[in-house]
C-alpha atoms as a PDB file:
ATOM      1  CA  UNK A   1     122.576 103.618 122.803  1.00  0.00           C
ATOM      2  CA  UNK A   2     121.170 104.700 119.467  1.00  0.00           C
ATOM      3  CA  UNK A   3     118.781 102.292 117.736  1.00  0.00           C
ATOM      4  CA  UNK A   4     115.213 102.398 116.439  1.00  0.00           C
ATOM      5  CA  UNK A   5     112.388 101.021 118.561  1.00  0.00           C
ATOM      6  CA  UNK A   6     108.739 100.723 117.474  1.00  0.00           C
ATOM      7  CA  UNK A   7     105.681  99.151 119.059  1.00  0.00           C
ATOM      8  CA  UNK A   8     103.013  97.259 117.086  1.00  0.00           C
ATOM      9  CA  UNK A   9      99.799  97.288 119.119  1.00  0.00           C
ATOM     10  CA  UNK A  10      98.105  94.824 116.753  1.00  0.00           C
ATOM     11  CA  UNK A  11     100.597  92.093 117.671  1.00  0.00           C
ATOM     12  CA  UNK A  12     101.604  93.558 121.054  1.00  0.00           C
ATOM     13  CA  UNK A  13     105.245  93.404 120.036  1.00  0.00           C
ATOM     14  CA  UNK A  14     108.281  95.656 120.141  1.00  0.00           C
ATOM     15  CA  UNK A  15     110.570  95.874 117.106  1.00  0.00           C
ATOM     16  CA  UNK A  16     114.222  96.887 117.426  1.00  0.00           C
ATOM     17  CA  UNK A  17     116.115  98.133 114.375  1.00  0.00           C
ATOM     18  CA  UNK A  18     119.866  98.501 115.030  1.00  0.00           C
ATOM     19  CA  UNK A  19     120.310 100.391 111.731  1.00  0.00           C
ATOM     20  CA  UNK A  20     117.747 103.110 112.529  1.00  0.00           C
ATOM     21  CA  UNK A  21     118.323 106.000 114.936  1.00  0.00           C
ATOM     22  CA  UNK A  22     116.365 106.279 118.172  1.00  0.00           C
ATOM     23  CA  UNK A  23     113.570 108.830 117.829  1.00  0.00           C
ATOM     24  CA  UNK A  24     111.571 109.942 120.824  1.00  0.00           C
ATOM     25  CA  UNK A  25     107.809 109.472 120.490  1.00  0.00           C
ATOM     26  CA  UNK A  26     105.936 112.696 119.843  1.00  0.00           C
ATOM     27  CA  UNK A  27     102.391 112.854 121.163  1.00  0.00           C
ATOM     28  CA  UNK A  28     101.545 116.382 120.093  1.00  0.00           C
ATOM     29  CA  UNK A  29     101.138 117.359 116.440  1.00  0.00           C
ATOM     30  CA  UNK A  30     103.963 119.233 114.726  1.00  0.00           C
ATOM     31  CA  UNK A  31     101.477 121.770 113.383  1.00  0.00           C
ATOM     32  CA  UNK A  32      98.304 123.273 114.818  1.00  0.00           C
ATOM     33  CA  UNK A  33      95.322 120.969 114.390  1.00  0.00           C
ATOM     34  CA  UNK A  34      92.570 123.534 114.495  1.00  0.00           C
ATOM     35  CA  UNK A  35      90.482 123.519 111.341  1.00  0.00           C
ATOM     36  CA  UNK A  36      91.513 126.080 108.744  1.00  0.00           C
ATOM     37  CA  UNK A  37      89.009 128.856 108.079  1.00  0.00           C
ATOM     38  CA  UNK A  38      88.598 127.775 104.458  1.00  0.00           C
ATOM     39  CA  UNK A  39      90.220 124.740 102.904  1.00  0.00           C
ATOM     40  CA  UNK A  40      91.220 125.215  99.291  1.00  0.00           C
ATOM     41  CA  UNK A  41      93.752 123.444  97.117  1.00  0.00           C
ATOM     42  CA  UNK A  42      95.928 126.568  97.401  1.00  0.00           C
ATOM     43  CA  UNK A  43      95.751 126.614 101.220  1.00  0.00           C
ATOM     44  CA  UNK A  44      96.599 122.904 101.347  1.00  0.00           C
ATOM     45  CA  UNK A  45      99.569 123.388  99.006  1.00  0.00           C
ATOM     46  CA  UNK A  46     100.756 126.328 101.161  1.00  0.00           C
ATOM     47  CA  UNK A  47     100.594 124.106 104.275  1.00  0.00           C
ATOM     48  CA  UNK A  48     102.602 121.425 102.503  1.00  0.00           C
ATOM     49  CA  UNK A  49     105.170 124.014 101.382  1.00  0.00           C
ATOM     50  CA  UNK A  50     105.603 125.115 105.019  1.00  0.00           C
ATOM     51  CA  UNK A  51     106.183 121.478 105.993  1.00  0.00           C
ATOM     52  CA  UNK A  52     108.749 121.187 103.203  1.00  0.00           C
ATOM     53  CA  UNK A  53     110.671 124.086 104.751  1.00  0.00           C
ATOM     54  CA  UNK A  54     110.567 122.411 108.172  1.00  0.00           C
ATOM     55  CA  UNK A  55     111.257 118.869 106.907  1.00  0.00           C
ATOM     56  CA  UNK A  56     113.167 119.065 103.596  1.00  0.00           C
ATOM     57  CA  UNK A  57     114.068 115.890 101.708  1.00  0.00           C
ATOM     58  CA  UNK A  58     116.142 113.677 103.984  1.00  0.00           C
ATOM     59  CA  UNK A  59     114.950 115.270 107.242  1.00  0.00           C
ATOM     60  CA  UNK A  60     113.709 113.014 110.029  1.00  0.00           C
ATOM     61  CA  UNK A  61     110.192 113.910 111.137  1.00  0.00           C
ATOM     62  CA  UNK A  62     108.567 113.217 114.547  1.00  0.00           C
ATOM     63  CA  UNK A  63     107.671 109.561 114.705  1.00  0.00           C
ATOM     64  CA  UNK A  64     105.541 107.811 115.598  1.00  0.00           C
ATOM     65  CA  UNK A  65     103.011 110.419 114.556  1.00  0.00           C
ATOM     66  CA  UNK A  66      99.387 109.560 115.205  1.00  0.00           C
ATOM     67  CA  UNK A  67      96.495 111.782 114.232  1.00  0.00           C
ATOM     68  CA  UNK A  68      94.515 113.391 117.006  1.00  0.00           C
ATOM     69  CA  UNK A  69      91.479 113.245 114.695  1.00  0.00           C
ATOM     70  CA  UNK A  70      91.013 109.499 114.361  1.00  0.00           C
ATOM     71  CA  UNK A  71      92.817 109.013 111.068  1.00  0.00           C
ATOM     72  CA  UNK A  72      93.097 105.691 109.229  1.00  0.00           C
ATOM     73  CA  UNK A  73      96.595 104.777 110.477  1.00  0.00           C
ATOM     74  CA  UNK A  74      97.167 103.779 114.091  1.00  0.00           C
ATOM     75  CA  UNK A  75     100.875 102.833 114.050  1.00  0.00           C
ATOM     76  CA  UNK A  76     102.056 106.299 113.016  1.00  0.00           C
ATOM     77  CA  UNK A  77     105.403 105.171 111.638  1.00  0.00           C
ATOM     78  CA  UNK A  78     107.072 105.149 108.240  1.00  0.00           C
ATOM     79  CA  UNK A  79     104.925 106.249 105.294  1.00  0.00           C
ATOM     80  CA  UNK A  80     101.654 106.348 107.264  1.00  0.00           C
ATOM     81  CA  UNK A  81     103.091 108.556 110.021  1.00  0.00           C
ATOM     82  CA  UNK A  82     104.434 111.077 107.496  1.00  0.00           C
ATOM     83  CA  UNK A  83     101.197 111.056 105.482  1.00  0.00           C
ATOM     84  CA  UNK A  84      99.141 111.625 108.635  1.00  0.00           C
ATOM     85  CA  UNK A  85     101.383 114.473 109.811  1.00  0.00           C
ATOM     86  CA  UNK A  86     101.028 116.183 106.408  1.00  0.00           C
ATOM     87  CA  UNK A  87      97.260 115.714 106.387  1.00  0.00           C
ATOM     88  CA  UNK A  88      96.830 117.104 109.911  1.00  0.00           C
ATOM     89  CA  UNK A  89      98.978 120.127 109.028  1.00  0.00           C
ATOM     90  CA  UNK A  90      96.872 120.855 105.947  1.00  0.00           C
ATOM     91  CA  UNK A  91      93.374 120.003 107.192  1.00  0.00           C
ATOM     92  CA  UNK A  92      93.457 120.471 110.955  1.00  0.00           C
ATOM     93  CA  UNK A  93      90.612 118.599 112.605  1.00  0.00           C
ATOM     94  CA  UNK A  94      88.450 118.050 109.509  1.00  0.00           C
ATOM     95  CA  UNK A  95      87.038 114.511 109.281  1.00  0.00           C
ATOM     96  CA  UNK A  96      88.561 111.771 107.141  1.00  0.00           C
ATOM     97  CA  UNK A  97      86.732 110.170 104.224  1.00  0.00           C
ATOM     98  CA  UNK A  98      87.769 106.993 102.383  1.00  0.00           C
ATOM     99  CA  UNK A  99      87.197 106.412  98.668  1.00  0.00           C
ATOM    100  CA  UNK A 100      87.988 102.961  97.254  1.00  0.00           C
ATOM    101  CA  UNK A 101      89.311 102.941  93.669  1.00  0.00           C
ATOM    102  CA  UNK A 102      88.825 106.704  93.188  1.00  0.00           C
ATOM    103  CA  UNK A 103      88.358 108.342  89.828  1.00  0.00           C
ATOM    104  CA  UNK A 104      91.378 110.406  88.775  1.00  0.00           C
ATOM    105  CA  UNK A 105      89.282 113.589  88.963  1.00  0.00           C
ATOM    106  CA  UNK A 106      88.637 112.939  92.695  1.00  0.00           C
ATOM    107  CA  UNK A 107      92.313 113.295  93.659  1.00  0.00           C
ATOM    108  CA  UNK A 108      93.380 116.699  95.010  1.00  0.00           C
ATOM    109  CA  UNK A 109      96.450 118.194  96.714  1.00  0.00           C
ATOM    110  CA  UNK A 110      96.784 116.992 100.308  1.00  0.00           C
ATOM    111  CA  UNK A 111      94.886 113.767  99.692  1.00  0.00           C
ATOM    112  CA  UNK A 112      96.493 110.498 100.732  1.00  0.00           C
ATOM    113  CA  UNK A 113      96.784 107.845  98.036  1.00  0.00           C
ATOM    114  CA  UNK A 114      97.334 104.332  99.352  1.00  0.00           C
ATOM    115  CA  UNK A 115      98.209 101.400  97.152  1.00  0.00           C
ATOM    116  CA  UNK A 116      99.189  97.797  97.521  1.00  0.00           C
ATOM    117  CA  UNK A 117     101.034  96.111  94.690  1.00  0.00           C
ATOM    118  CA  UNK A 118     102.213  92.526  94.415  1.00  0.00           C
ATOM    119  CA  UNK A 119     105.382  93.431  96.310  1.00  0.00           C
ATOM    120  CA  UNK A 120     104.645  96.429  98.544  1.00  0.00           C
ATOM    121  CA  UNK A 121     102.199  98.625 100.425  1.00  0.00           C
ATOM    122  CA  UNK A 122     102.626 102.391 100.540  1.00  0.00           C
ATOM    123  CA  UNK A 123     100.780 105.659 101.179  1.00  0.00           C
ATOM    124  CA  UNK A 124     101.780 109.019  99.681  1.00  0.00           C
ATOM    125  CA  UNK A 125     100.572 112.614  99.969  1.00  0.00           C
ATOM    126  CA  UNK A 126      99.534 114.373  96.785  1.00  0.00           C
ATOM    127  CA  UNK A 127     101.267 117.714  96.170  1.00  0.00           C
ATOM    128  CA  UNK A 128      99.939 118.269  92.646  1.00  0.00           C
ATOM    129  CA  UNK A 129      98.326 116.338  89.796  1.00  0.00           C
ATOM    130  CA  UNK A 130      98.409 116.310  86.002  1.00  0.00           C
ATOM    131  CA  UNK A 131      96.380 114.155  83.624  1.00  0.00           C
ATOM    132  CA  UNK A 132      99.270 111.661  83.636  1.00  0.00           C
ATOM    133  CA  UNK A 133     100.684 111.520  87.192  1.00  0.00           C
ATOM    134  CA  UNK A 134     100.607 112.780  90.770  1.00  0.00           C
ATOM    135  CA  UNK A 135     103.597 114.531  92.325  1.00  0.00           C
ATOM    136  CA  UNK A 136     103.959 113.515  95.962  1.00  0.00           C
ATOM    137  CA  UNK A 137     105.738 113.715  99.276  1.00  0.00           C
ATOM    138  CA  UNK A 138     106.386 110.418 100.988  1.00  0.00           C
ATOM    139  CA  UNK A 139     108.523 108.539 103.475  1.00  0.00           C
ATOM    140  CA  UNK A 140     109.863 105.041 103.767  1.00  0.00           C
ATOM    141  CA  UNK A 141     111.128 102.739 106.482  1.00  0.00           C
ATOM    142  CA  UNK A 142     113.824 105.218 107.519  1.00  0.00           C
ATOM    143  CA  UNK A 143     111.287 107.910 108.586  1.00  0.00           C
ATOM    144  CA  UNK A 144     112.877 110.583 106.396  1.00  0.00           C
ATOM    145  CA  UNK A 145     110.732 113.001 104.385  1.00  0.00           C
ATOM    146  CA  UNK A 146     111.024 112.879 100.607  1.00  0.00           C
ATOM    147  CA  UNK A 147     109.599 115.526  98.271  1.00  0.00           C
ATOM    148  CA  UNK A 148     108.971 115.411  94.531  1.00  0.00           C
ATOM    149  CA  UNK A 149     108.337 111.751  93.765  1.00  0.00           C
ATOM    150  CA  UNK A 150     105.735 110.908  91.157  1.00  0.00           C
ATOM    151  CA  UNK A 151     103.348 108.061  90.458  1.00  0.00           C
ATOM    152  CA  UNK A 152     101.800 107.509  87.070  1.00  0.00           C
ATOM    153  CA  UNK A 153      98.043 107.290  86.739  1.00  0.00           C
ATOM    154  CA  UNK A 154      98.093 104.097  84.668  1.00  0.00           C
ATOM    155  CA  UNK A 155     100.286 102.356  87.261  1.00  0.00           C
ATOM    156  CA  UNK A 156      98.166 103.370  90.266  1.00  0.00           C
ATOM    157  CA  UNK A 157      94.929 102.407  88.549  1.00  0.00           C
ATOM    158  CA  UNK A 158      96.147  98.890  87.819  1.00  0.00           C
ATOM    159  CA  UNK A 159      97.166  98.126  91.423  1.00  0.00           C
ATOM    160  CA  UNK A 160      95.017  95.543  93.240  1.00  0.00           C
ATOM    161  CA  UNK A 161      94.408  97.961  96.120  1.00  0.00           C
ATOM    162  CA  UNK A 162      94.062 101.678  95.397  1.00  0.00           C
ATOM    163  CA  UNK A 163      92.457 103.948  98.031  1.00  0.00           C
ATOM    164  CA  UNK A 164      92.065 107.687  98.531  1.00  0.00           C
ATOM    165  CA  UNK A 165      91.779 109.346 101.944  1.00  0.00           C
ATOM    166  CA  UNK A 166      90.568 112.908 101.707  1.00  0.00           C
ATOM    167  CA  UNK A 167      89.534 115.570 104.200  1.00  0.00           C
ATOM    168  CA  UNK A 168      88.095 118.127 101.825  1.00  0.00           C
ATOM    169  CA  UNK A 169      84.523 118.966 102.800  1.00  0.00           C
ATOM    170  CA  UNK A 170      81.914 117.455 100.462  1.00  0.00           C
END
Protein backbone atom coordinates (compact mmCIF):
# COMPACT_ATOMS: atom_id res chain seq x y z
CA UNK A 1 0.00 0.00 0.00
CA UNK A 2 1.29 3.45 -0.85
CA UNK A 3 -0.02 6.35 1.25
CA UNK A 4 1.48 9.07 3.44
CA UNK A 5 1.61 8.61 7.20
CA UNK A 6 2.79 11.23 9.71
CA UNK A 7 2.80 11.37 13.50
CA UNK A 8 2.06 14.54 15.49
CA UNK A 9 3.62 14.16 18.94
CA UNK A 10 1.91 17.32 20.23
CA UNK A 11 -1.53 15.74 19.80
CA UNK A 12 -0.35 12.11 19.93
CA UNK A 13 -2.11 11.42 16.66
CA UNK A 14 -1.36 9.70 13.38
CA UNK A 15 -2.39 11.35 10.10
CA UNK A 16 -2.99 9.32 6.95
CA UNK A 17 -2.93 11.03 3.55
CA UNK A 18 -4.13 8.74 0.73
CA UNK A 19 -2.89 11.24 -1.89
CA UNK A 20 0.72 11.32 -0.63
CA UNK A 21 3.28 8.57 -1.19
CA UNK A 22 4.64 6.53 1.71
CA UNK A 23 8.09 7.76 2.71
CA UNK A 24 10.19 5.85 5.19
CA UNK A 25 11.34 7.87 8.20
CA UNK A 26 14.98 8.87 8.06
CA UNK A 27 16.74 9.25 11.39
CA UNK A 28 20.19 10.14 10.12
CA UNK A 29 20.93 13.44 8.38
CA UNK A 30 21.28 13.47 4.60
CA UNK A 31 24.51 15.45 4.91
CA UNK A 32 27.33 15.39 7.44
CA UNK A 33 26.48 17.38 10.56
CA UNK A 34 29.96 18.19 11.72
CA UNK A 35 30.57 21.92 11.95
CA UNK A 36 32.22 23.45 8.90
CA UNK A 37 35.73 24.80 9.43
CA UNK A 38 34.62 28.33 8.56
CA UNK A 39 31.07 29.37 7.83
CA UNK A 40 30.77 32.07 5.21
CA UNK A 41 27.92 33.10 2.95
CA UNK A 42 29.84 31.49 0.07
CA UNK A 43 30.27 28.18 1.92
CA UNK A 44 26.58 28.15 2.84
CA UNK A 45 25.56 28.85 -0.77
CA UNK A 46 27.89 26.05 -1.94
CA UNK A 47 26.22 23.63 0.51
CA UNK A 48 22.80 24.65 -0.77
CA UNK A 49 23.96 24.18 -4.37
CA UNK A 50 25.07 20.62 -3.52
CA UNK A 51 21.63 19.96 -2.04
CA UNK A 52 20.05 21.33 -5.21
CA UNK A 53 21.98 18.74 -7.22
CA UNK A 54 20.80 15.96 -4.90
CA UNK A 55 17.21 17.22 -4.56
CA UNK A 56 16.29 19.29 -7.65
CA UNK A 57 12.89 20.96 -7.90
CA UNK A 58 10.21 18.30 -7.59
CA UNK A 59 12.42 15.74 -5.84
CA UNK A 60 11.15 14.09 -2.66
CA UNK A 61 13.54 14.56 0.25
CA UNK A 62 13.89 12.34 3.36
CA UNK A 63 10.99 13.05 5.65
CA UNK A 64 10.38 13.43 8.46
CA UNK A 65 13.72 15.14 8.91
CA UNK A 66 14.53 16.28 12.43
CA UNK A 67 17.68 18.15 13.35
CA UNK A 68 20.20 16.37 15.51
CA UNK A 69 21.16 19.78 16.92
CA UNK A 70 17.95 20.75 18.69
CA UNK A 71 16.47 22.94 15.97
CA UNK A 72 13.20 24.86 16.29
CA UNK A 73 11.00 22.32 14.47
CA UNK A 74 10.16 18.98 16.06
CA UNK A 75 7.74 17.49 13.51
CA UNK A 76 10.28 17.45 10.67
CA UNK A 77 7.73 17.33 7.87
CA UNK A 78 6.71 19.61 5.02
CA UNK A 79 8.37 23.04 4.93
CA UNK A 80 10.01 22.73 8.37
CA UNK A 81 11.62 19.37 7.57
CA UNK A 82 13.11 20.70 4.32
CA UNK A 83 14.29 23.92 5.98
CA UNK A 84 15.94 21.97 8.79
CA UNK A 85 17.66 19.57 6.38
CA UNK A 86 19.07 22.54 4.41
CA UNK A 87 20.24 24.28 7.57
CA UNK A 88 21.97 21.17 8.93
CA UNK A 89 23.72 20.63 5.59
CA UNK A 90 25.00 24.20 5.55
CA UNK A 91 25.82 24.76 9.23
CA UNK A 92 26.53 21.32 10.68
CA UNK A 93 26.18 21.35 14.45
CA UNK A 94 26.34 25.13 14.98
CA UNK A 95 23.73 26.40 17.46
CA UNK A 96 20.43 27.96 16.42
CA UNK A 97 19.51 31.56 17.20
CA UNK A 98 16.05 33.14 16.86
CA UNK A 99 15.46 36.76 15.87
CA UNK A 100 11.89 38.10 16.03
CA UNK A 101 11.01 40.69 13.37
CA UNK A 102 14.57 40.87 11.98
CA UNK A 103 15.96 43.85 10.15
CA UNK A 104 16.45 43.19 6.44
CA UNK A 105 20.23 43.55 6.86
CA UNK A 106 20.23 40.61 9.33
CA UNK A 107 19.08 38.08 6.72
CA UNK A 108 21.81 35.98 5.08
CA UNK A 109 22.00 32.92 2.81
CA UNK A 110 21.08 29.73 4.67
CA UNK A 111 18.92 31.52 7.22
CA UNK A 112 15.38 30.29 7.77
CA UNK A 113 12.64 32.89 7.42
CA UNK A 114 9.35 31.92 9.03
CA UNK A 115 6.15 33.85 8.55
CA UNK A 116 2.51 33.54 9.43
CA UNK A 117 -0.03 35.44 7.39
CA UNK A 118 -3.78 35.61 7.81
CA UNK A 119 -4.15 32.41 5.80
CA UNK A 120 -0.94 30.38 6.15
CA UNK A 121 2.23 29.52 8.03
CA UNK A 122 5.46 28.76 6.19
CA UNK A 123 9.24 28.60 6.59
CA UNK A 124 11.72 29.07 3.73
CA UNK A 125 15.50 28.90 3.33
CA UNK A 126 17.26 31.97 1.98
CA UNK A 127 19.49 31.33 -1.05
CA UNK A 128 20.25 34.97 -1.82
CA UNK A 129 18.95 38.46 -1.04
CA UNK A 130 18.57 41.79 -2.81
CA UNK A 131 17.28 45.07 -1.40
CA UNK A 132 13.81 44.09 -2.65
CA UNK A 133 13.39 40.33 -2.10
CA UNK A 134 14.86 37.03 -0.93
CA UNK A 135 15.30 34.10 -3.32
CA UNK A 136 14.54 30.84 -1.53
CA UNK A 137 14.25 27.09 -1.52
CA UNK A 138 11.14 25.69 0.10
CA UNK A 139 8.75 22.77 0.32
CA UNK A 140 5.06 22.35 0.84
CA UNK A 141 2.67 19.67 2.02
CA UNK A 142 3.86 17.25 -0.67
CA UNK A 143 7.45 17.09 0.71
CA UNK A 144 9.00 17.99 -2.64
CA UNK A 145 11.92 20.43 -2.86
CA UNK A 146 11.37 23.67 -4.75
CA UNK A 147 14.16 26.04 -5.78
CA UNK A 148 14.01 29.65 -6.93
CA UNK A 149 10.91 31.07 -5.26
CA UNK A 150 11.03 34.64 -4.04
CA UNK A 151 9.42 36.68 -1.29
CA UNK A 152 9.29 40.44 -1.37
CA UNK A 153 10.65 42.43 1.53
CA UNK A 154 7.57 44.64 1.88
CA UNK A 155 5.29 41.59 2.04
CA UNK A 156 7.36 39.73 4.65
CA UNK A 157 7.72 42.81 6.83
CA UNK A 158 3.97 43.36 6.99
CA UNK A 159 3.15 39.81 8.13
CA UNK A 160 1.88 39.47 11.72
CA UNK A 161 4.57 36.88 12.51
CA UNK A 162 8.00 37.21 10.92
CA UNK A 163 10.95 35.30 12.44
CA UNK A 164 14.53 34.56 11.43
CA UNK A 165 16.44 31.45 12.52
CA UNK A 166 20.15 31.76 11.90
CA UNK A 167 23.20 29.67 12.74
CA UNK A 168 25.91 32.10 11.75
CA UNK A 169 28.26 32.71 14.67
CA UNK A 170 27.81 36.13 16.29
